[in-house]
Amino acid sequence: MESNKISGILAIILGLIFIIFPISGTITVSILFGISLILFGIVLILAGLTALNIIVGILSIIVGIIFLCNISALSFLFGLEFYMIGIILILAGIVTLFSDLQISKIASVSLIILGIISFALGGLSLSQPMFAPILIGVGLVIEGIILYIG
């Protein structure tokens, strides 16, 4: 089998695990993030004793501990990401709506609508931690299908 097909199958399986068991998927990803960030911080500190390495290493260790101790940190970051994307889409839609660019007004309005939807998804993700792993699972399944077919 090609590596793309194997990657596609693994992505589909992982996506289905996230969809079927959202809490355990979130716990697993949060623990893996935490451990990898802690190890990254330790490696940065040991790699060179410069001020930047020490600061980034300590911050990485702190964020890793947060991911290990607080399972909902992943959903919080996911929600913040949706908020930022929503704000950017809304601003881009407003700017292109009132500019003299050749972009159609329908595209500008659709950017604003997508920004509002993204903003709403951010609120849902912050208030409902189960929402983030299900979205990650759906994304993994779609990506796995694309990898397997392509």
N, C-alpha and C. Protein backbone atom coordinates (compact mmCIF):
# COMPACT_ATOMS: atom_id res chain seq x y z
N MET A 1 0.83 -1.19 0.00
CA MET A 1 0.00 0.00 0.00
C MET A 1 0.87 1.25 0.00
N GLU A 2 0.35 2.27 -0.60
CA GLU A 2 1.06 3.54 -0.60
C GLU A 2 0.96 4.19 0.77
N SER A 3 1.89 5.09 1.03
CA SER A 3 1.88 5.76 2.33
C SER A 3 0.66 6.67 2.49
N ASN A 4 0.16 7.24 1.37
CA ASN A 4 -1.03 8.09 1.47
C ASN A 4 -2.25 7.28 1.87
N LYS A 5 -2.37 6.07 1.34
CA LYS A 5 -3.52 5.24 1.68
C LYS A 5 -3.45 4.79 3.14
N ILE A 6 -2.25 4.46 3.60
CA ILE A 6 -2.09 4.06 5.00
C ILE A 6 -2.40 5.25 5.91
N SER A 7 -1.90 6.43 5.54
CA SER A 7 -2.19 7.63 6.33
C SER A 7 -3.68 7.93 6.32
N GLY A 8 -4.33 7.72 5.19
CA GLY A 8 -5.77 7.94 5.09
C GLY A 8 -6.55 7.01 6.00
N ILE A 9 -6.17 5.74 5.99
CA ILE A 9 -6.85 4.76 6.84
C ILE A 9 -6.64 5.11 8.32
N LEU A 10 -5.42 5.48 8.69
CA LEU A 10 -5.15 5.85 10.08
C LEU A 10 -5.92 7.10 10.49
N ALA A 11 -6.01 8.07 9.58
CA ALA A 11 -6.77 9.29 9.89
C ALA A 11 -8.25 8.99 10.06
N ILE A 12 -8.78 8.10 9.22
CA ILE A 12 -10.20 7.73 9.35
C ILE A 12 -10.44 7.02 10.68
N ILE A 13 -9.56 6.10 11.04
CA ILE A 13 -9.72 5.37 12.31
C ILE A 13 -9.63 6.33 13.49
N LEU A 14 -8.63 7.21 13.47
CA LEU A 14 -8.48 8.18 14.56
C LEU A 14 -9.67 9.13 14.62
N GLY A 15 -10.16 9.55 13.46
CA GLY A 15 -11.33 10.43 13.42
C GLY A 15 -12.56 9.76 13.98
N LEU A 16 -12.75 8.48 13.65
CA LEU A 16 -13.90 7.75 14.20
C LEU A 16 -13.78 7.58 15.71
N ILE A 17 -12.55 7.38 16.20
CA ILE A 17 -12.35 7.29 17.65
C ILE A 17 -12.75 8.61 18.31
N PHE A 18 -12.36 9.73 17.69
CA PHE A 18 -12.72 11.04 18.23
C PHE A 18 -14.23 11.25 18.22
N ILE A 19 -14.89 10.79 17.15
CA ILE A 19 -16.34 11.00 17.05
C ILE A 19 -17.08 10.09 18.04
N ILE A 20 -16.67 8.83 18.14
CA ILE A 20 -17.38 7.88 18.99
C ILE A 20 -17.08 8.11 20.47
N PHE A 21 -15.82 8.37 20.78
CA PHE A 21 -15.42 8.58 22.18
C PHE A 21 -14.79 9.97 22.33
N PRO A 22 -15.59 11.03 22.31
CA PRO A 22 -14.99 12.38 22.31
C PRO A 22 -14.20 12.71 23.58
N ILE A 23 -14.66 12.23 24.72
CA ILE A 23 -13.95 12.57 25.96
C ILE A 23 -12.60 11.87 26.01
N SER A 24 -12.56 10.57 25.70
CA SER A 24 -11.27 9.87 25.75
C SER A 24 -10.33 10.38 24.67
N GLY A 25 -10.87 10.79 23.53
CA GLY A 25 -10.03 11.37 22.49
C GLY A 25 -9.42 12.68 22.94
N THR A 26 -10.21 13.50 23.61
CA THR A 26 -9.71 14.77 24.11
C THR A 26 -8.67 14.54 25.21
N ILE A 27 -8.94 13.59 26.07
CA ILE A 27 -7.99 13.30 27.15
C ILE A 27 -6.67 12.82 26.57
N THR A 28 -6.74 11.93 25.59
CA THR A 28 -5.52 11.40 24.97
C THR A 28 -4.71 12.50 24.30
N VAL A 29 -5.38 13.32 23.50
CA VAL A 29 -4.68 14.40 22.80
C VAL A 29 -4.12 15.40 23.79
N SER A 30 -4.87 15.72 24.82
CA SER A 30 -4.40 16.67 25.82
C SER A 30 -3.18 16.14 26.55
N ILE A 31 -3.20 14.87 26.90
CA ILE A 31 -2.05 14.27 27.58
C ILE A 31 -0.83 14.23 26.65
N LEU A 32 -1.05 13.86 25.39
CA LEU A 32 0.07 13.83 24.44
C LEU A 32 0.64 15.23 24.21
N PHE A 33 -0.24 16.24 24.09
CA PHE A 33 0.23 17.62 23.97
C PHE A 33 1.05 18.01 25.19
N GLY A 34 0.52 17.69 26.35
CA GLY A 34 1.21 18.06 27.59
C GLY A 34 2.58 17.42 27.70
N ILE A 35 2.65 16.13 27.44
CA ILE A 35 3.94 15.44 27.53
C ILE A 35 4.92 15.97 26.49
N SER A 36 4.44 16.17 25.27
CA SER A 36 5.35 16.66 24.23
C SER A 36 5.82 18.08 24.52
N LEU A 37 4.96 18.92 25.06
CA LEU A 37 5.39 20.28 25.40
C LEU A 37 6.38 20.29 26.56
N ILE A 38 6.16 19.42 27.53
CA ILE A 38 7.11 19.34 28.65
C ILE A 38 8.47 18.86 28.15
N LEU A 39 8.47 17.82 27.32
CA LEU A 39 9.74 17.33 26.77
C LEU A 39 10.41 18.37 25.89
N PHE A 40 9.61 19.09 25.09
CA PHE A 40 10.15 20.16 24.26
C PHE A 40 10.79 21.24 25.11
N GLY A 41 10.14 21.60 26.21
CA GLY A 41 10.70 22.61 27.11
C GLY A 41 12.00 22.16 27.74
N ILE A 42 12.05 20.90 28.15
CA ILE A 42 13.28 20.38 28.76
C ILE A 42 14.41 20.37 27.74
N VAL A 43 14.10 19.95 26.51
CA VAL A 43 15.13 19.93 25.46
C VAL A 43 15.61 21.34 25.16
N LEU A 44 14.70 22.30 25.11
CA LEU A 44 15.11 23.69 24.85
C LEU A 44 16.02 24.22 25.94
N ILE A 45 15.68 23.92 27.17
CA ILE A 45 16.51 24.41 28.28
C ILE A 45 17.89 23.76 28.24
N LEU A 46 17.93 22.46 27.95
CA LEU A 46 19.21 21.76 27.93
C LEU A 46 20.02 22.03 26.67
N ALA A 47 19.36 22.47 25.59
CA ALA A 47 20.05 22.68 24.31
C ALA A 47 21.02 23.85 24.38
N GLY A 48 20.64 24.88 25.01
CA GLY A 48 21.52 26.03 25.10
C GLY A 48 21.06 26.93 26.21
N LEU A 49 21.99 27.42 26.95
CA LEU A 49 21.62 28.24 28.10
C LEU A 49 21.54 29.71 27.72
N THR A 50 20.80 29.99 26.67
CA THR A 50 20.54 31.38 26.32
C THR A 50 19.24 31.80 26.99
N ALA A 51 19.06 33.08 27.11
CA ALA A 51 17.86 33.59 27.79
C ALA A 51 16.59 33.20 27.04
N LEU A 52 16.64 33.26 25.71
CA LEU A 52 15.46 32.92 24.92
C LEU A 52 15.10 31.44 25.08
N ASN A 53 16.09 30.57 25.04
CA ASN A 53 15.81 29.14 25.21
C ASN A 53 15.22 28.84 26.59
N ILE A 54 15.74 29.48 27.60
CA ILE A 54 15.24 29.24 28.95
C ILE A 54 13.81 29.74 29.10
N ILE A 55 13.53 30.94 28.57
CA ILE A 55 12.18 31.50 28.69
C ILE A 55 11.17 30.65 27.92
N VAL A 56 11.49 30.32 26.67
CA VAL A 56 10.57 29.51 25.87
C VAL A 56 10.43 28.12 26.46
N GLY A 57 11.52 27.56 26.98
CA GLY A 57 11.46 26.25 27.61
C GLY A 57 10.57 26.23 28.84
N ILE A 58 10.70 27.24 29.68
CA ILE A 58 9.87 27.31 30.88
C ILE A 58 8.41 27.52 30.51
N LEU A 59 8.14 28.40 29.54
CA LEU A 59 6.75 28.59 29.09
C LEU A 59 6.17 27.31 28.50
N SER A 60 6.99 26.59 27.76
CA SER A 60 6.54 25.33 27.18
C SER A 60 6.22 24.30 28.26
N ILE A 61 7.03 24.25 29.28
CA ILE A 61 6.78 23.32 30.39
C ILE A 61 5.50 23.72 31.13
N ILE A 62 5.29 25.01 31.35
CA ILE A 62 4.08 25.47 32.04
C ILE A 62 2.83 25.12 31.23
N VAL A 63 2.87 25.39 29.93
CA VAL A 63 1.71 25.06 29.08
C VAL A 63 1.50 23.55 29.03
N GLY A 64 2.58 22.78 29.01
CA GLY A 64 2.47 21.33 29.04
C GLY A 64 1.81 20.83 30.31
N ILE A 65 2.17 21.42 31.44
CA ILE A 65 1.54 21.04 32.71
C ILE A 65 0.06 21.42 32.70
N ILE A 66 -0.27 22.56 32.09
CA ILE A 66 -1.68 22.96 31.99
C ILE A 66 -2.46 21.93 31.17
N PHE A 67 -1.87 21.47 30.07
CA PHE A 67 -2.56 20.45 29.26
C PHE A 67 -2.69 19.13 30.00
N LEU A 68 -1.70 18.79 30.82
CA LEU A 68 -1.80 17.54 31.58
C LEU A 68 -2.85 17.63 32.69
N CYS A 69 -2.95 18.78 33.32
CA CYS A 69 -3.85 18.91 34.47
C CYS A 69 -5.26 19.35 34.10
N ASN A 70 -5.40 20.08 33.01
CA ASN A 70 -6.71 20.62 32.64
C ASN A 70 -7.09 20.08 31.26
N ILE A 71 -7.98 19.12 31.25
CA ILE A 71 -8.35 18.45 30.01
C ILE A 71 -9.10 19.40 29.07
N SER A 72 -9.83 20.35 29.61
CA SER A 72 -10.62 21.24 28.76
C SER A 72 -9.79 22.37 28.15
N ALA A 73 -8.49 22.38 28.39
CA ALA A 73 -7.64 23.42 27.80
C ALA A 73 -7.64 23.33 26.28
N LEU A 74 -7.73 22.13 25.75
CA LEU A 74 -7.75 21.95 24.30
C LEU A 74 -9.01 22.58 23.69
N SER A 75 -10.14 22.38 24.32
CA SER A 75 -11.38 22.98 23.83
C SER A 75 -11.33 24.50 23.94
N PHE A 76 -10.70 25.00 24.99
CA PHE A 76 -10.56 26.44 25.15
C PHE A 76 -9.73 27.04 24.02
N LEU A 77 -8.60 26.40 23.70
CA LEU A 77 -7.77 26.89 22.60
C LEU A 77 -8.48 26.77 21.27
N PHE A 78 -9.26 25.71 21.11
CA PHE A 78 -10.04 25.52 19.90
C PHE A 78 -11.06 26.65 19.75
N GLY A 79 -11.71 27.01 20.86
CA GLY A 79 -12.67 28.10 20.84
C GLY A 79 -12.03 29.43 20.51
N LEU A 80 -10.86 29.69 21.09
CA LEU A 80 -10.15 30.93 20.78
C LEU A 80 -9.76 31.00 19.31
N GLU A 81 -9.38 29.85 18.77
CA GLU A 81 -9.03 29.81 17.35
C GLU A 81 -10.23 30.15 16.48
N PHE A 82 -11.39 29.61 16.82
CA PHE A 82 -12.60 29.94 16.08
C PHE A 82 -12.92 31.43 16.18
N TYR A 83 -12.75 32.00 17.37
CA TYR A 83 -13.01 33.43 17.54
C TYR A 83 -12.08 34.26 16.65
N MET A 84 -10.80 33.92 16.64
CA MET A 84 -9.85 34.68 15.82
C MET A 84 -10.17 34.56 14.34
N ILE A 85 -10.48 33.35 13.90
CA ILE A 85 -10.83 33.14 12.50
C ILE A 85 -12.10 33.92 12.15
N GLY A 86 -13.08 33.89 13.05
CA GLY A 86 -14.32 34.63 12.82
C GLY A 86 -14.10 36.12 12.69
N ILE A 87 -13.29 36.67 13.57
CA ILE A 87 -13.00 38.11 13.52
C ILE A 87 -12.29 38.46 12.21
N ILE A 88 -11.32 37.65 11.83
CA ILE A 88 -10.59 37.91 10.58
C ILE A 88 -11.52 37.83 9.37
N LEU A 89 -12.39 36.83 9.34
CA LEU A 89 -13.32 36.69 8.22
C LEU A 89 -14.30 37.86 8.16
N ILE A 90 -14.80 38.27 9.30
CA ILE A 90 -15.74 39.39 9.32
C ILE A 90 -15.05 40.67 8.86
N LEU A 91 -13.85 40.92 9.37
CA LEU A 91 -13.12 42.12 8.95
C LEU A 91 -12.78 42.08 7.46
N ALA A 92 -12.36 40.93 6.97
CA ALA A 92 -12.05 40.81 5.54
C ALA A 92 -13.30 41.03 4.69
N GLY A 93 -14.43 40.51 5.15
CA GLY A 93 -15.67 40.71 4.41
C GLY A 93 -16.10 42.16 4.39
N ILE A 94 -15.96 42.85 5.51
CA ILE A 94 -16.33 44.27 5.57
C ILE A 94 -15.41 45.11 4.70
N VAL A 95 -14.11 44.82 4.77
CA VAL A 95 -13.15 45.59 3.96
C VAL A 95 -13.41 45.39 2.48
N THR A 96 -13.61 44.15 2.06
CA THR A 96 -13.84 43.91 0.63
C THR A 96 -15.22 44.39 0.18
N LEU A 97 -16.16 44.48 1.11
CA LEU A 97 -17.49 44.98 0.75
C LEU A 97 -17.45 46.46 0.40
N PHE A 98 -16.63 47.22 1.11
CA PHE A 98 -16.58 48.66 0.90
C PHE A 98 -15.39 49.12 0.07
N SER A 99 -14.60 48.20 -0.45
CA SER A 99 -13.45 48.60 -1.25
C SER A 99 -13.81 48.58 -2.73
N ASP A 100 -12.89 49.08 -3.54
CA ASP A 100 -13.11 49.12 -4.98
C ASP A 100 -12.49 47.92 -5.70
N LEU A 101 -12.24 46.87 -4.96
CA LEU A 101 -11.65 45.68 -5.57
C LEU A 101 -12.68 44.99 -6.46
N GLN A 102 -12.20 44.13 -7.32
CA GLN A 102 -13.08 43.43 -8.25
C GLN A 102 -13.74 42.19 -7.63
N ILE A 103 -13.61 42.06 -6.33
CA ILE A 103 -14.24 40.93 -5.64
C ILE A 103 -15.73 41.19 -5.57
N SER A 104 -16.51 40.17 -5.87
CA SER A 104 -17.96 40.37 -5.92
C SER A 104 -18.52 40.64 -4.52
N LYS A 105 -19.64 41.29 -4.51
CA LYS A 105 -20.30 41.61 -3.24
C LYS A 105 -20.83 40.34 -2.58
N ILE A 106 -21.17 39.34 -3.39
CA ILE A 106 -21.65 38.07 -2.84
C ILE A 106 -20.53 37.38 -2.05
N ALA A 107 -19.31 37.44 -2.58
CA ALA A 107 -18.17 36.85 -1.88
C ALA A 107 -17.91 37.58 -0.57
N SER A 108 -18.06 38.89 -0.57
CA SER A 108 -17.86 39.67 0.65
C SER A 108 -18.90 39.33 1.70
N VAL A 109 -20.14 39.23 1.28
CA VAL A 109 -21.21 38.89 2.21
C VAL A 109 -21.03 37.47 2.73
N SER A 110 -20.58 36.56 1.86
CA SER A 110 -20.37 35.18 2.32
C SER A 110 -19.22 35.12 3.32
N LEU A 111 -18.20 35.96 3.16
CA LEU A 111 -17.13 36.02 4.16
C LEU A 111 -17.67 36.48 5.51
N ILE A 112 -18.53 37.46 5.48
CA ILE A 112 -19.12 37.95 6.73
C ILE A 112 -19.98 36.86 7.38
N ILE A 113 -20.76 36.16 6.57
CA ILE A 113 -21.61 35.08 7.11
C ILE A 113 -20.75 33.95 7.69
N LEU A 114 -19.69 33.57 6.97
CA LEU A 114 -18.79 32.53 7.49
C LEU A 114 -18.09 32.99 8.77
N GLY A 115 -17.77 34.26 8.85
CA GLY A 115 -17.17 34.79 10.08
C GLY A 115 -18.12 34.71 11.26
N ILE A 116 -19.39 35.02 11.01
CA ILE A 116 -20.39 34.93 12.09
C ILE A 116 -20.58 33.47 12.52
N ILE A 117 -20.61 32.56 11.54
CA ILE A 117 -20.73 31.13 11.87
C ILE A 117 -19.52 30.66 12.67
N SER A 118 -18.33 31.08 12.25
CA SER A 118 -17.12 30.70 12.97
C SER A 118 -17.12 31.26 14.39
N PHE A 119 -17.60 32.48 14.54
CA PHE A 119 -17.70 33.09 15.86
C PHE A 119 -18.66 32.29 16.75
N ALA A 120 -19.77 31.85 16.17
CA ALA A 120 -20.73 31.03 16.92
C ALA A 120 -20.13 29.68 17.30
N LEU A 121 -19.37 29.09 16.39
CA LEU A 121 -18.71 27.82 16.70
C LEU A 121 -17.70 27.98 17.83
N GLY A 122 -17.05 29.13 17.88
CA GLY A 122 -16.12 29.39 18.99
C GLY A 122 -16.85 29.42 20.32
N GLY A 123 -17.99 30.05 20.34
CA GLY A 123 -18.78 30.09 21.57
C GLY A 123 -19.26 28.71 21.98
N LEU A 124 -19.68 27.92 20.99
CA LEU A 124 -20.11 26.55 21.30
C LEU A 124 -18.95 25.71 21.82
N SER A 125 -17.78 25.91 21.26
CA SER A 125 -16.63 25.12 21.68
C SER A 125 -16.19 25.48 23.09
N LEU A 126 -16.31 26.76 23.45
CA LEU A 126 -15.94 27.16 24.80
C LEU A 126 -16.95 26.68 25.83
N SER A 127 -18.23 26.71 25.47
CA SER A 127 -19.25 26.32 26.43
C SER A 127 -19.48 24.81 26.47
N GLN A 128 -19.18 24.13 25.40
CA GLN A 128 -19.42 22.69 25.32
C GLN A 128 -18.13 21.99 24.88
N PRO A 129 -17.35 21.48 25.82
CA PRO A 129 -16.06 20.87 25.46
C PRO A 129 -16.18 19.65 24.55
N MET A 130 -17.35 19.04 24.47
CA MET A 130 -17.53 17.86 23.61
C MET A 130 -17.53 18.25 22.13
N PHE A 131 -17.74 19.53 21.86
CA PHE A 131 -17.87 19.99 20.49
C PHE A 131 -16.53 19.92 19.74
N ALA A 132 -15.45 20.28 20.41
CA ALA A 132 -14.14 20.32 19.76
C ALA A 132 -13.67 18.95 19.28
N PRO A 133 -13.70 17.90 20.10
CA PRO A 133 -13.22 16.61 19.58
C PRO A 133 -14.09 16.05 18.46
N ILE A 134 -15.37 16.35 18.48
CA ILE A 134 -16.23 15.87 17.39
C ILE A 134 -15.84 16.56 16.09
N LEU A 135 -15.58 17.88 16.16
CA LEU A 135 -15.13 18.59 14.96
C LEU A 135 -13.77 18.08 14.48
N ILE A 136 -12.88 17.81 15.41
CA ILE A 136 -11.57 17.26 15.03
C ILE A 136 -11.76 15.90 14.37
N GLY A 137 -12.66 15.08 14.92
CA GLY A 137 -12.93 13.77 14.34
C GLY A 137 -13.49 13.85 12.94
N VAL A 138 -14.44 14.75 12.73
CA VAL A 138 -15.02 14.91 11.39
C VAL A 138 -13.93 15.38 10.41
N GLY A 139 -13.10 16.31 10.85
CA GLY A 139 -12.01 16.77 10.00
C GLY A 139 -11.03 15.66 9.66
N LEU A 140 -10.72 14.82 10.64
CA LEU A 140 -9.81 13.70 10.38
C LEU A 140 -10.42 12.68 9.42
N VAL A 141 -11.71 12.41 9.55
CA VAL A 141 -12.36 11.47 8.64
C VAL A 141 -12.34 12.02 7.22
N ILE A 142 -12.67 13.30 7.07
CA ILE A 142 -12.67 13.91 5.73
C ILE A 142 -11.26 13.89 5.15
N GLU A 143 -10.28 14.26 5.95
CA GLU A 143 -8.89 14.25 5.48
C GLU A 143 -8.44 12.83 5.14
N GLY A 144 -8.86 11.85 5.93
CA GLY A 144 -8.50 10.46 5.65
C GLY A 144 -9.10 9.97 4.35
N ILE A 145 -10.34 10.35 4.09
CA ILE A 145 -10.98 9.95 2.82
C ILE A 145 -10.25 10.59 1.64
N ILE A 146 -9.90 11.86 1.79
CA ILE A 146 -9.18 12.55 0.71
C ILE A 146 -7.82 11.91 0.48
N LEU A 147 -7.12 11.57 1.56
CA LEU A 147 -5.82 10.91 1.41
C LEU A 147 -5.96 9.53 0.78
N TYR A 148 -6.98 8.80 1.18
CA TYR A 148 -7.16 7.44 0.67
C TYR A 148 -7.53 7.44 -0.82
N ILE A 149 -8.40 8.36 -1.19
CA ILE A 149 -8.83 8.42 -2.59
C ILE A 149 -7.73 8.99 -3.48
N GLY A 150 -7.12 10.07 -2.99
CA GLY A 150 -6.12 10.78 -3.82
C GLY A 150 -4.82 10.16 -3.75
